N, C-alpha and C. Protein backbone atom coordinates (compact mmCIF):
# COMPACT_ATOMS: atom_id res chain seq x y z
N UNK A 1 -5.53 -24.15 22.69
CA UNK A 1 -4.60 -23.12 23.12
C UNK A 1 -5.37 -21.94 23.72
N UNK A 2 -4.87 -21.43 24.84
CA UNK A 2 -5.50 -20.26 25.45
C UNK A 2 -5.35 -19.05 24.54
N UNK A 3 -6.38 -18.21 24.55
CA UNK A 3 -6.38 -17.07 23.64
C UNK A 3 -5.21 -16.13 23.92
N UNK A 4 -4.90 -15.90 25.18
CA UNK A 4 -3.82 -14.97 25.52
C UNK A 4 -2.48 -15.48 24.98
N UNK A 5 -2.24 -16.78 25.05
CA UNK A 5 -1.00 -17.36 24.54
C UNK A 5 -0.95 -17.25 23.02
N UNK A 6 -2.08 -17.54 22.38
CA UNK A 6 -2.15 -17.46 20.92
C UNK A 6 -1.87 -16.04 20.44
N UNK A 7 -2.47 -15.07 21.10
CA UNK A 7 -2.25 -13.67 20.74
C UNK A 7 -0.78 -13.32 20.87
N UNK A 8 -0.16 -13.72 21.98
CA UNK A 8 1.24 -13.37 22.21
C UNK A 8 2.17 -14.01 21.19
N UNK A 9 1.88 -15.25 20.79
CA UNK A 9 2.68 -15.92 19.76
C UNK A 9 2.65 -15.13 18.46
N UNK A 10 1.47 -14.69 18.07
CA UNK A 10 1.36 -13.94 16.82
C UNK A 10 1.95 -12.54 16.93
N UNK A 11 1.76 -11.89 18.06
CA UNK A 11 2.35 -10.56 18.25
C UNK A 11 3.87 -10.65 18.15
N UNK A 12 4.45 -11.63 18.81
CA UNK A 12 5.91 -11.80 18.78
C UNK A 12 6.41 -12.04 17.37
N UNK A 13 5.72 -12.91 16.64
CA UNK A 13 6.12 -13.24 15.27
C UNK A 13 6.08 -12.02 14.36
N UNK A 14 4.97 -11.29 14.39
CA UNK A 14 4.80 -10.18 13.45
C UNK A 14 5.59 -8.95 13.88
N UNK A 15 5.83 -8.77 15.16
CA UNK A 15 6.71 -7.69 15.60
C UNK A 15 8.12 -7.88 15.04
N UNK A 16 8.59 -9.13 15.01
CA UNK A 16 9.92 -9.43 14.48
C UNK A 16 10.01 -9.13 12.99
N UNK A 17 8.90 -9.35 12.27
CA UNK A 17 8.90 -9.14 10.82
C UNK A 17 8.70 -7.68 10.42
N UNK A 18 8.27 -6.86 11.34
CA UNK A 18 7.85 -5.50 10.97
C UNK A 18 8.96 -4.70 10.28
N UNK A 19 10.17 -4.79 10.78
CA UNK A 19 11.26 -3.98 10.22
C UNK A 19 11.64 -4.38 8.80
N UNK A 20 11.42 -5.66 8.45
CA UNK A 20 11.79 -6.13 7.11
C UNK A 20 10.59 -6.38 6.21
N UNK A 21 9.40 -6.05 6.69
CA UNK A 21 8.17 -6.39 5.97
C UNK A 21 8.04 -5.64 4.65
N UNK A 22 8.64 -4.49 4.55
CA UNK A 22 8.62 -3.70 3.32
C UNK A 22 9.89 -3.89 2.49
N UNK A 23 10.55 -5.01 2.69
CA UNK A 23 11.79 -5.30 1.98
C UNK A 23 11.57 -5.79 0.57
N UNK A 24 12.58 -6.45 0.01
CA UNK A 24 12.53 -6.86 -1.38
C UNK A 24 12.71 -8.37 -1.57
N UNK A 25 12.58 -9.14 -0.52
CA UNK A 25 12.76 -10.59 -0.62
C UNK A 25 11.55 -11.29 -1.22
N UNK A 26 11.61 -12.61 -1.25
CA UNK A 26 10.53 -13.41 -1.87
C UNK A 26 9.20 -13.20 -1.16
N UNK A 27 9.26 -13.05 0.17
CA UNK A 27 8.01 -12.86 0.92
C UNK A 27 7.32 -11.57 0.51
N UNK A 28 8.11 -10.51 0.35
CA UNK A 28 7.56 -9.22 -0.08
C UNK A 28 6.93 -9.35 -1.46
N UNK A 29 7.64 -9.96 -2.40
CA UNK A 29 7.14 -10.10 -3.77
C UNK A 29 5.85 -10.91 -3.81
N UNK A 30 5.84 -12.02 -3.08
CA UNK A 30 4.66 -12.89 -3.05
C UNK A 30 3.44 -12.17 -2.48
N UNK A 31 3.62 -11.53 -1.33
CA UNK A 31 2.50 -10.86 -0.68
C UNK A 31 1.96 -9.70 -1.53
N UNK A 32 2.85 -8.96 -2.16
CA UNK A 32 2.41 -7.81 -2.95
C UNK A 32 1.67 -8.26 -4.21
N UNK A 33 2.11 -9.35 -4.83
CA UNK A 33 1.40 -9.89 -5.98
C UNK A 33 -0.01 -10.33 -5.58
N UNK A 34 -0.11 -11.01 -4.46
CA UNK A 34 -1.41 -11.48 -3.98
C UNK A 34 -2.33 -10.31 -3.67
N UNK A 35 -1.80 -9.31 -2.95
CA UNK A 35 -2.61 -8.15 -2.60
C UNK A 35 -3.03 -7.35 -3.84
N UNK A 36 -2.14 -7.25 -4.81
CA UNK A 36 -2.47 -6.55 -6.06
C UNK A 36 -3.61 -7.24 -6.78
N UNK A 37 -3.61 -8.59 -6.76
CA UNK A 37 -4.70 -9.34 -7.39
C UNK A 37 -6.03 -9.04 -6.72
N UNK A 38 -6.01 -8.99 -5.39
CA UNK A 38 -7.24 -8.67 -4.66
C UNK A 38 -7.70 -7.25 -4.98
N UNK A 39 -6.79 -6.30 -4.95
CA UNK A 39 -7.15 -4.90 -5.19
C UNK A 39 -7.79 -4.73 -6.56
N UNK A 40 -7.36 -5.52 -7.54
CA UNK A 40 -7.92 -5.42 -8.89
C UNK A 40 -9.40 -5.80 -8.93
N UNK A 41 -9.87 -6.48 -7.89
CA UNK A 41 -11.28 -6.91 -7.83
C UNK A 41 -12.19 -5.86 -7.18
N UNK A 42 -11.60 -4.86 -6.56
CA UNK A 42 -12.38 -3.90 -5.79
C UNK A 42 -13.00 -2.82 -6.68
N UNK A 43 -14.24 -2.52 -6.40
CA UNK A 43 -14.91 -1.40 -7.07
C UNK A 43 -14.81 -0.19 -6.15
N UNK A 44 -13.58 0.30 -6.00
CA UNK A 44 -13.33 1.38 -5.07
C UNK A 44 -13.70 2.72 -5.70
N UNK A 45 -14.38 3.55 -4.93
CA UNK A 45 -14.81 4.86 -5.41
C UNK A 45 -14.39 5.95 -4.43
N UNK A 46 -14.36 7.17 -4.90
CA UNK A 46 -13.99 8.29 -4.05
C UNK A 46 -14.92 8.40 -2.83
N UNK A 47 -14.34 8.81 -1.72
CA UNK A 47 -15.06 9.10 -0.47
C UNK A 47 -15.66 7.87 0.20
N UNK A 48 -15.16 6.69 -0.15
CA UNK A 48 -15.56 5.48 0.55
C UNK A 48 -14.79 5.35 1.86
N UNK A 49 -15.35 4.57 2.78
CA UNK A 49 -14.64 4.16 3.98
C UNK A 49 -14.09 2.76 3.75
N UNK A 50 -12.80 2.60 3.93
CA UNK A 50 -12.10 1.36 3.58
C UNK A 50 -11.31 0.85 4.79
N UNK A 51 -11.33 -0.47 5.01
CA UNK A 51 -10.61 -1.07 6.13
C UNK A 51 -9.83 -2.30 5.67
N UNK A 52 -8.59 -2.39 6.13
CA UNK A 52 -7.77 -3.59 5.92
C UNK A 52 -7.51 -4.21 7.29
N UNK A 53 -8.02 -5.45 7.50
CA UNK A 53 -7.80 -6.18 8.75
C UNK A 53 -6.57 -7.06 8.58
N UNK A 54 -5.60 -6.89 9.48
CA UNK A 54 -4.31 -7.55 9.31
C UNK A 54 -3.48 -6.78 8.30
N UNK A 55 -3.43 -5.47 8.49
CA UNK A 55 -2.90 -4.55 7.48
C UNK A 55 -1.39 -4.53 7.38
N UNK A 56 -0.69 -5.11 8.37
CA UNK A 56 0.76 -5.03 8.34
C UNK A 56 1.23 -3.59 8.35
N UNK A 57 2.13 -3.24 7.44
CA UNK A 57 2.68 -1.88 7.39
C UNK A 57 1.87 -0.96 6.48
N UNK A 58 0.71 -1.42 6.01
CA UNK A 58 -0.23 -0.55 5.31
C UNK A 58 -0.10 -0.47 3.80
N UNK A 59 0.71 -1.33 3.20
CA UNK A 59 0.97 -1.24 1.75
C UNK A 59 -0.32 -1.27 0.93
N UNK A 60 -1.19 -2.25 1.20
CA UNK A 60 -2.42 -2.39 0.41
C UNK A 60 -3.32 -1.17 0.55
N UNK A 61 -3.35 -0.59 1.74
CA UNK A 61 -4.16 0.61 1.96
C UNK A 61 -3.66 1.75 1.09
N UNK A 62 -2.36 1.90 1.03
CA UNK A 62 -1.78 2.94 0.18
C UNK A 62 -2.11 2.75 -1.28
N UNK A 63 -2.09 1.50 -1.75
CA UNK A 63 -2.40 1.22 -3.15
C UNK A 63 -3.86 1.52 -3.47
N UNK A 64 -4.75 1.16 -2.55
CA UNK A 64 -6.18 1.44 -2.74
C UNK A 64 -6.42 2.94 -2.77
N UNK A 65 -5.79 3.67 -1.85
CA UNK A 65 -5.98 5.12 -1.78
C UNK A 65 -5.53 5.81 -3.07
N UNK A 66 -4.46 5.32 -3.67
CA UNK A 66 -3.98 5.90 -4.93
C UNK A 66 -5.04 5.83 -6.03
N UNK A 67 -5.84 4.77 -6.02
CA UNK A 67 -6.85 4.58 -7.06
C UNK A 67 -7.91 5.66 -7.05
N UNK A 68 -8.11 6.28 -5.90
CA UNK A 68 -9.14 7.32 -5.78
C UNK A 68 -8.52 8.66 -5.37
N UNK A 69 -7.24 8.82 -5.72
CA UNK A 69 -6.54 10.08 -5.46
C UNK A 69 -6.60 10.45 -3.97
N UNK A 70 -6.56 9.44 -3.12
CA UNK A 70 -6.54 9.60 -1.67
C UNK A 70 -7.81 10.26 -1.11
N UNK A 71 -8.90 10.18 -1.87
CA UNK A 71 -10.17 10.77 -1.42
C UNK A 71 -11.03 9.70 -0.75
N UNK A 72 -11.10 9.77 0.55
CA UNK A 72 -11.85 8.79 1.33
C UNK A 72 -11.26 8.68 2.72
N UNK A 73 -11.71 7.68 3.47
CA UNK A 73 -11.17 7.41 4.80
C UNK A 73 -10.61 5.99 4.79
N UNK A 74 -9.36 5.85 5.18
CA UNK A 74 -8.65 4.58 5.04
C UNK A 74 -8.13 4.12 6.40
N UNK A 75 -8.54 2.91 6.77
CA UNK A 75 -8.23 2.37 8.09
C UNK A 75 -7.46 1.06 7.97
N UNK A 76 -6.56 0.84 8.92
CA UNK A 76 -5.86 -0.43 9.02
C UNK A 76 -5.84 -0.91 10.45
N UNK A 77 -6.02 -2.22 10.63
CA UNK A 77 -6.00 -2.84 11.95
C UNK A 77 -4.98 -3.97 11.92
N UNK A 78 -4.17 -4.07 12.96
CA UNK A 78 -3.23 -5.19 13.05
C UNK A 78 -2.99 -5.53 14.51
N UNK A 79 -2.75 -6.82 14.76
CA UNK A 79 -2.48 -7.30 16.11
C UNK A 79 -1.11 -6.88 16.61
N UNK A 80 -0.18 -6.63 15.68
CA UNK A 80 1.20 -6.30 16.03
C UNK A 80 1.38 -4.80 16.25
N UNK A 81 1.77 -4.39 17.46
CA UNK A 81 2.03 -2.96 17.70
C UNK A 81 3.11 -2.41 16.79
N UNK A 82 4.13 -3.22 16.52
CA UNK A 82 5.23 -2.73 15.69
C UNK A 82 4.80 -2.53 14.24
N UNK A 83 3.94 -3.41 13.73
CA UNK A 83 3.41 -3.22 12.37
C UNK A 83 2.64 -1.91 12.29
N UNK A 84 1.84 -1.64 13.30
CA UNK A 84 1.06 -0.40 13.32
C UNK A 84 1.98 0.82 13.40
N UNK A 85 3.04 0.73 14.18
CA UNK A 85 4.00 1.83 14.25
C UNK A 85 4.60 2.11 12.87
N UNK A 86 4.98 1.04 12.17
CA UNK A 86 5.57 1.19 10.83
C UNK A 86 4.56 1.78 9.86
N UNK A 87 3.30 1.33 9.94
CA UNK A 87 2.26 1.86 9.06
C UNK A 87 2.07 3.36 9.29
N UNK A 88 2.05 3.76 10.55
CA UNK A 88 1.90 5.18 10.87
C UNK A 88 3.09 5.99 10.33
N UNK A 89 4.28 5.41 10.42
CA UNK A 89 5.47 6.08 9.87
C UNK A 89 5.35 6.22 8.35
N UNK A 90 4.88 5.14 7.70
CA UNK A 90 4.79 5.14 6.24
C UNK A 90 3.80 6.17 5.70
N UNK A 91 2.75 6.44 6.49
CA UNK A 91 1.68 7.32 5.99
C UNK A 91 1.43 8.50 6.93
N UNK A 92 2.47 9.00 7.54
CA UNK A 92 2.31 10.06 8.54
C UNK A 92 1.82 11.37 7.95
N UNK A 93 1.95 11.55 6.64
CA UNK A 93 1.49 12.80 6.02
C UNK A 93 0.03 12.72 5.58
N UNK A 94 -0.59 11.56 5.73
CA UNK A 94 -1.97 11.36 5.27
C UNK A 94 -2.93 11.44 6.46
N UNK A 95 -3.63 12.56 6.59
CA UNK A 95 -4.52 12.75 7.74
C UNK A 95 -5.76 11.86 7.70
N UNK A 96 -6.08 11.32 6.53
CA UNK A 96 -7.26 10.46 6.42
C UNK A 96 -6.90 8.97 6.48
N UNK A 97 -5.69 8.66 6.95
CA UNK A 97 -5.27 7.28 7.20
C UNK A 97 -5.27 7.07 8.71
N UNK A 98 -5.85 5.95 9.14
CA UNK A 98 -5.98 5.67 10.57
C UNK A 98 -5.54 4.23 10.83
N UNK A 99 -4.59 4.04 11.73
CA UNK A 99 -4.06 2.71 12.02
C UNK A 99 -4.28 2.38 13.49
N UNK A 100 -4.83 1.18 13.74
CA UNK A 100 -5.25 0.79 15.09
C UNK A 100 -4.67 -0.57 15.44
N UNK A 101 -4.06 -0.65 16.61
CA UNK A 101 -3.57 -1.92 17.14
C UNK A 101 -4.73 -2.62 17.84
N UNK A 102 -5.24 -3.69 17.23
CA UNK A 102 -6.41 -4.37 17.79
C UNK A 102 -6.49 -5.80 17.27
N UNK A 103 -7.21 -6.63 17.99
CA UNK A 103 -7.52 -8.00 17.60
C UNK A 103 -8.68 -7.98 16.60
N UNK A 104 -8.63 -8.83 15.59
CA UNK A 104 -9.69 -8.88 14.58
C UNK A 104 -11.06 -9.22 15.16
N UNK A 105 -11.07 -9.80 16.36
CA UNK A 105 -12.33 -10.20 16.99
C UNK A 105 -12.99 -9.05 17.76
N UNK A 106 -12.25 -7.97 17.96
CA UNK A 106 -12.78 -6.84 18.73
C UNK A 106 -12.10 -5.56 18.26
N UNK A 107 -12.72 -4.91 17.30
CA UNK A 107 -12.15 -3.73 16.67
C UNK A 107 -12.90 -2.49 17.15
N UNK A 108 -12.22 -1.54 17.78
CA UNK A 108 -12.89 -0.40 18.40
C UNK A 108 -13.30 0.68 17.39
N UNK A 109 -14.23 0.31 16.52
CA UNK A 109 -14.78 1.23 15.52
C UNK A 109 -16.30 1.07 15.47
N UNK A 110 -16.99 2.06 14.93
CA UNK A 110 -18.44 2.08 14.94
C UNK A 110 -19.07 1.04 14.03
N UNK A 111 -20.30 0.67 14.33
CA UNK A 111 -21.09 -0.22 13.48
C UNK A 111 -21.36 0.44 12.13
N UNK A 112 -21.55 -0.41 11.11
CA UNK A 112 -22.02 0.06 9.79
C UNK A 112 -21.16 1.20 9.24
N UNK A 113 -19.85 1.05 9.34
CA UNK A 113 -18.94 2.13 8.99
C UNK A 113 -18.31 1.99 7.60
N UNK A 114 -18.06 0.75 7.15
CA UNK A 114 -17.21 0.56 5.98
C UNK A 114 -17.95 0.08 4.73
N UNK A 115 -17.54 0.65 3.61
CA UNK A 115 -18.04 0.21 2.31
C UNK A 115 -17.33 -1.06 1.86
N UNK A 116 -16.03 -1.12 2.12
CA UNK A 116 -15.22 -2.27 1.73
C UNK A 116 -14.25 -2.62 2.85
N UNK A 117 -14.17 -3.91 3.16
CA UNK A 117 -13.17 -4.44 4.09
C UNK A 117 -12.38 -5.52 3.35
N UNK A 118 -11.06 -5.51 3.54
CA UNK A 118 -10.25 -6.59 3.00
C UNK A 118 -9.47 -7.26 4.13
N UNK A 119 -9.05 -8.50 3.87
CA UNK A 119 -8.24 -9.26 4.81
C UNK A 119 -7.35 -10.17 3.97
N UNK A 120 -6.04 -9.95 3.99
CA UNK A 120 -5.16 -10.69 3.10
C UNK A 120 -4.14 -11.51 3.89
N UNK A 121 -4.14 -12.83 3.63
CA UNK A 121 -3.18 -13.76 4.24
C UNK A 121 -3.09 -13.60 5.76
N UNK A 122 -4.25 -13.44 6.36
CA UNK A 122 -4.31 -13.23 7.80
C UNK A 122 -5.33 -14.14 8.48
N UNK A 123 -6.38 -14.48 7.75
CA UNK A 123 -7.52 -15.15 8.37
C UNK A 123 -7.15 -16.50 8.99
N UNK A 124 -6.20 -17.21 8.42
CA UNK A 124 -5.84 -18.53 8.94
C UNK A 124 -5.14 -18.46 10.29
N UNK A 125 -4.81 -17.27 10.76
CA UNK A 125 -4.22 -17.08 12.08
C UNK A 125 -5.27 -16.85 13.17
N UNK A 126 -6.52 -16.67 12.80
CA UNK A 126 -7.54 -16.26 13.78
C UNK A 126 -8.02 -17.44 14.60
N UNK A 127 -7.90 -17.31 15.91
CA UNK A 127 -8.27 -18.41 16.81
C UNK A 127 -9.77 -18.64 16.83
N UNK A 128 -10.55 -17.56 16.71
CA UNK A 128 -12.02 -17.65 16.74
C UNK A 128 -12.59 -17.04 15.46
N UNK A 129 -12.56 -17.80 14.36
CA UNK A 129 -12.96 -17.24 13.06
C UNK A 129 -14.41 -16.76 13.01
N UNK A 130 -15.29 -17.41 13.74
CA UNK A 130 -16.69 -16.98 13.74
C UNK A 130 -16.84 -15.60 14.39
N UNK A 131 -16.09 -15.36 15.45
CA UNK A 131 -16.13 -14.05 16.11
C UNK A 131 -15.57 -12.97 15.19
N UNK A 132 -14.48 -13.30 14.49
CA UNK A 132 -13.89 -12.33 13.56
C UNK A 132 -14.86 -12.00 12.43
N UNK A 133 -15.57 -13.01 11.93
CA UNK A 133 -16.51 -12.78 10.83
C UNK A 133 -17.72 -11.96 11.30
N UNK A 134 -18.16 -12.20 12.51
CA UNK A 134 -19.27 -11.41 13.04
C UNK A 134 -18.87 -9.95 13.25
N UNK A 135 -17.59 -9.74 13.60
CA UNK A 135 -17.08 -8.39 13.74
C UNK A 135 -17.04 -7.70 12.37
N UNK A 136 -16.68 -8.44 11.33
CA UNK A 136 -16.71 -7.91 9.97
C UNK A 136 -18.14 -7.51 9.60
N UNK A 137 -19.10 -8.36 9.91
CA UNK A 137 -20.52 -8.05 9.64
C UNK A 137 -20.92 -6.76 10.34
N UNK A 138 -20.53 -6.61 11.60
CA UNK A 138 -20.89 -5.42 12.37
C UNK A 138 -20.33 -4.15 11.74
N UNK A 139 -19.11 -4.23 11.26
CA UNK A 139 -18.42 -3.05 10.75
C UNK A 139 -18.88 -2.63 9.36
N UNK A 140 -19.38 -3.57 8.57
CA UNK A 140 -19.80 -3.26 7.21
C UNK A 140 -21.10 -2.46 7.17
N UNK A 141 -21.16 -1.52 6.24
CA UNK A 141 -22.43 -0.86 5.93
C UNK A 141 -23.37 -1.85 5.25
N UNK A 142 -24.67 -1.62 5.25
CA UNK A 142 -25.56 -2.42 4.39
C UNK A 142 -25.07 -2.34 2.94
N UNK A 143 -24.99 -3.48 2.28
CA UNK A 143 -24.46 -3.62 0.92
C UNK A 143 -22.94 -3.52 0.85
N UNK A 144 -22.27 -3.33 2.00
CA UNK A 144 -20.81 -3.33 2.02
C UNK A 144 -20.27 -4.72 1.74
N UNK A 145 -19.02 -4.79 1.30
CA UNK A 145 -18.43 -6.08 0.92
C UNK A 145 -17.13 -6.36 1.66
N UNK A 146 -16.91 -7.65 1.91
CA UNK A 146 -15.67 -8.15 2.49
C UNK A 146 -14.97 -9.02 1.46
N UNK A 147 -13.65 -8.84 1.32
CA UNK A 147 -12.82 -9.62 0.42
C UNK A 147 -11.72 -10.27 1.25
N UNK A 148 -11.76 -11.60 1.36
CA UNK A 148 -10.78 -12.34 2.15
C UNK A 148 -9.87 -13.13 1.23
N UNK A 149 -8.61 -12.77 1.18
CA UNK A 149 -7.62 -13.50 0.40
C UNK A 149 -6.85 -14.40 1.36
N UNK A 150 -6.87 -15.71 1.07
CA UNK A 150 -6.19 -16.65 1.96
C UNK A 150 -5.91 -17.93 1.19
N UNK A 151 -4.89 -18.70 1.59
CA UNK A 151 -4.79 -20.05 1.04
C UNK A 151 -6.10 -20.78 1.31
N UNK A 152 -6.51 -21.63 0.39
CA UNK A 152 -7.81 -22.30 0.51
C UNK A 152 -7.64 -23.80 0.33
N UNK A 153 -8.13 -24.57 1.29
CA UNK A 153 -7.88 -26.01 1.34
C UNK A 153 -8.86 -26.80 0.47
N UNK A 154 -8.85 -26.51 -0.83
CA UNK A 154 -9.70 -27.24 -1.77
C UNK A 154 -8.93 -28.38 -2.46
N UNK A 155 -7.63 -28.43 -2.23
CA UNK A 155 -6.79 -29.41 -2.91
C UNK A 155 -5.94 -30.16 -1.87
N UNK A 156 -5.57 -31.39 -2.20
CA UNK A 156 -4.87 -32.24 -1.23
C UNK A 156 -3.55 -31.63 -0.77
N UNK A 157 -2.83 -30.97 -1.68
CA UNK A 157 -1.51 -30.45 -1.30
C UNK A 157 -1.63 -29.27 -0.35
N UNK A 158 -2.73 -28.50 -0.44
CA UNK A 158 -2.94 -27.40 0.51
C UNK A 158 -3.25 -27.97 1.89
N UNK A 159 -3.99 -29.07 1.93
CA UNK A 159 -4.30 -29.71 3.21
C UNK A 159 -3.04 -30.24 3.87
N UNK A 160 -2.10 -30.74 3.06
CA UNK A 160 -0.82 -31.20 3.60
C UNK A 160 -0.01 -30.02 4.12
N UNK A 161 0.01 -28.94 3.34
CA UNK A 161 0.71 -27.72 3.77
C UNK A 161 0.15 -27.20 5.09
N UNK A 162 -1.18 -27.28 5.22
CA UNK A 162 -1.84 -26.84 6.46
C UNK A 162 -1.29 -27.62 7.65
N UNK A 163 -1.15 -28.94 7.51
CA UNK A 163 -0.65 -29.78 8.60
C UNK A 163 0.81 -29.45 8.93
N UNK A 164 1.60 -29.18 7.89
CA UNK A 164 3.01 -28.85 8.10
C UNK A 164 3.15 -27.52 8.83
N UNK A 165 2.35 -26.52 8.40
CA UNK A 165 2.41 -25.19 9.03
C UNK A 165 2.05 -25.28 10.51
N UNK A 166 1.07 -26.13 10.84
CA UNK A 166 0.68 -26.28 12.24
C UNK A 166 1.84 -26.77 13.11
N UNK A 167 2.73 -27.56 12.50
CA UNK A 167 3.88 -28.11 13.23
C UNK A 167 4.98 -27.08 13.43
N UNK A 168 5.15 -26.17 12.47
CA UNK A 168 6.29 -25.26 12.52
C UNK A 168 5.92 -23.82 12.90
N UNK A 169 4.62 -23.51 12.88
CA UNK A 169 4.19 -22.15 13.19
C UNK A 169 3.10 -22.20 14.27
N UNK A 170 3.46 -22.00 15.52
CA UNK A 170 2.51 -22.14 16.63
C UNK A 170 1.28 -21.23 16.54
N UNK A 171 1.42 -20.07 15.90
CA UNK A 171 0.30 -19.14 15.81
C UNK A 171 -0.69 -19.45 14.71
N UNK A 172 -0.37 -20.43 13.88
CA UNK A 172 -1.28 -20.82 12.80
C UNK A 172 -2.47 -21.59 13.37
N UNK A 173 -3.67 -21.37 12.81
CA UNK A 173 -4.86 -22.08 13.28
C UNK A 173 -5.35 -23.07 12.23
N UNK A 174 -5.77 -22.57 11.05
CA UNK A 174 -6.33 -23.48 10.05
C UNK A 174 -6.46 -22.80 8.70
N UNK A 175 -6.20 -23.57 7.63
CA UNK A 175 -6.51 -23.13 6.28
C UNK A 175 -7.89 -23.70 5.94
N UNK A 176 -8.81 -22.85 5.54
CA UNK A 176 -10.19 -23.25 5.32
C UNK A 176 -10.46 -23.55 3.84
N UNK A 177 -11.42 -24.41 3.62
CA UNK A 177 -11.87 -24.72 2.25
C UNK A 177 -12.88 -23.67 1.80
N UNK A 178 -13.20 -23.70 0.53
CA UNK A 178 -14.22 -22.77 0.01
C UNK A 178 -15.55 -22.98 0.72
N UNK A 179 -15.94 -24.22 0.93
CA UNK A 179 -17.20 -24.50 1.63
C UNK A 179 -17.18 -23.96 3.05
N UNK A 180 -16.04 -24.07 3.69
CA UNK A 180 -15.93 -23.55 5.06
C UNK A 180 -16.00 -22.02 5.08
N UNK A 181 -15.35 -21.37 4.12
CA UNK A 181 -15.46 -19.91 4.04
C UNK A 181 -16.91 -19.50 3.79
N UNK A 182 -17.58 -20.20 2.91
CA UNK A 182 -18.98 -19.90 2.64
C UNK A 182 -19.82 -20.02 3.91
N UNK A 183 -19.60 -21.08 4.66
CA UNK A 183 -20.36 -21.29 5.91
C UNK A 183 -20.06 -20.21 6.94
N UNK A 184 -18.78 -19.83 7.06
CA UNK A 184 -18.41 -18.77 8.00
C UNK A 184 -19.09 -17.45 7.67
N UNK A 185 -19.12 -17.12 6.40
CA UNK A 185 -19.75 -15.87 5.97
C UNK A 185 -21.26 -15.91 6.21
N UNK A 186 -21.89 -16.99 5.82
CA UNK A 186 -23.34 -17.12 5.97
C UNK A 186 -23.74 -17.13 7.45
N UNK A 187 -22.97 -17.85 8.26
CA UNK A 187 -23.29 -17.92 9.70
C UNK A 187 -23.17 -16.56 10.38
N UNK A 188 -22.37 -15.67 9.81
CA UNK A 188 -22.22 -14.32 10.37
C UNK A 188 -23.30 -13.37 9.87
N UNK A 189 -24.14 -13.84 8.95
CA UNK A 189 -25.21 -13.01 8.42
C UNK A 189 -24.90 -12.38 7.07
N UNK A 190 -23.79 -12.77 6.47
CA UNK A 190 -23.38 -12.22 5.18
C UNK A 190 -23.81 -13.13 4.02
N UNK A 191 -23.93 -12.55 2.85
CA UNK A 191 -24.17 -13.33 1.64
C UNK A 191 -22.82 -13.76 1.07
N UNK A 192 -22.73 -15.01 0.63
CA UNK A 192 -21.50 -15.46 -0.03
C UNK A 192 -21.65 -15.20 -1.52
N UNK A 193 -20.86 -14.27 -2.04
CA UNK A 193 -20.95 -13.88 -3.45
C UNK A 193 -20.19 -14.84 -4.34
N UNK A 194 -19.11 -15.42 -3.84
CA UNK A 194 -18.30 -16.34 -4.63
C UNK A 194 -16.83 -16.11 -4.36
N UNK A 195 -15.97 -16.70 -5.19
CA UNK A 195 -14.53 -16.54 -5.00
C UNK A 195 -13.83 -16.38 -6.34
N UNK A 196 -12.67 -15.78 -6.29
CA UNK A 196 -11.84 -15.56 -7.48
C UNK A 196 -10.42 -16.02 -7.18
N UNK A 197 -9.76 -16.64 -8.14
CA UNK A 197 -8.37 -17.04 -7.98
C UNK A 197 -7.46 -15.84 -8.23
N UNK A 198 -6.35 -15.80 -7.50
CA UNK A 198 -5.35 -14.75 -7.69
C UNK A 198 -4.20 -15.30 -8.53
N UNK A 199 -3.29 -14.41 -8.91
CA UNK A 199 -2.14 -14.85 -9.70
C UNK A 199 -1.18 -15.69 -8.86
N UNK A 200 -1.32 -15.67 -7.53
CA UNK A 200 -0.51 -16.51 -6.66
C UNK A 200 -1.24 -17.81 -6.31
N UNK A 201 -2.36 -18.06 -7.00
CA UNK A 201 -3.13 -19.31 -6.89
C UNK A 201 -3.85 -19.46 -5.55
N UNK A 202 -3.94 -18.38 -4.81
CA UNK A 202 -4.82 -18.35 -3.66
C UNK A 202 -6.23 -17.99 -4.13
N UNK A 203 -7.17 -17.87 -3.22
CA UNK A 203 -8.53 -17.47 -3.58
C UNK A 203 -8.94 -16.26 -2.76
N UNK A 204 -9.75 -15.42 -3.38
CA UNK A 204 -10.38 -14.30 -2.69
C UNK A 204 -11.85 -14.65 -2.51
N UNK A 205 -12.28 -14.73 -1.26
CA UNK A 205 -13.67 -15.06 -0.94
C UNK A 205 -14.42 -13.77 -0.65
N UNK A 206 -15.57 -13.61 -1.31
CA UNK A 206 -16.27 -12.33 -1.29
C UNK A 206 -17.63 -12.49 -0.62
N UNK A 207 -17.88 -11.63 0.35
CA UNK A 207 -19.17 -11.61 1.03
C UNK A 207 -19.78 -10.23 1.00
N UNK A 208 -21.08 -10.16 1.20
CA UNK A 208 -21.80 -8.88 1.17
C UNK A 208 -22.82 -8.84 2.29
N UNK A 209 -22.94 -7.68 2.90
CA UNK A 209 -23.92 -7.50 3.98
C UNK A 209 -25.29 -7.17 3.42
């Protein structure tokens, strides 16, 4: 698939979801439980620089900021312009929150900027995962960490789900196994620290620069 077509498919999909993304349905409950599990793994401290790639309407960023009394710099990046608009609306009173409409493969921010980067239920949509991972490496400070929460194809039923999603969701690319996540991180120059299961039975893959 051409990159421009893939981008447009995902932009269209997530723009449609933006208005209901902060709702109370099953999707909201599932995503928030997963993100809460990831956040519980973070050693977040005051005055850190924090980035969420595929941030949606910014919920996870807000939760992280609360942990440090909003002391720090908090960034969100999303491919969907409408998601970014909603995030800006949600946090318009927070001058240290910054939301950017950008592709995960090319984020217009400085090198060695972030202490912690997260990516939740987004990575399987990336057409060029190696480019996205190298961008994560570029953005992280030395000793900075990346936490990627995603379905992980370590079991037969996840592999079947992956095939089904490819048929019904044109913007989907691939659900990766733990070994594949490890290889992606290492090939980008990061150390693979390991993975942790979430309460939604996904995995969080952790890398360090």
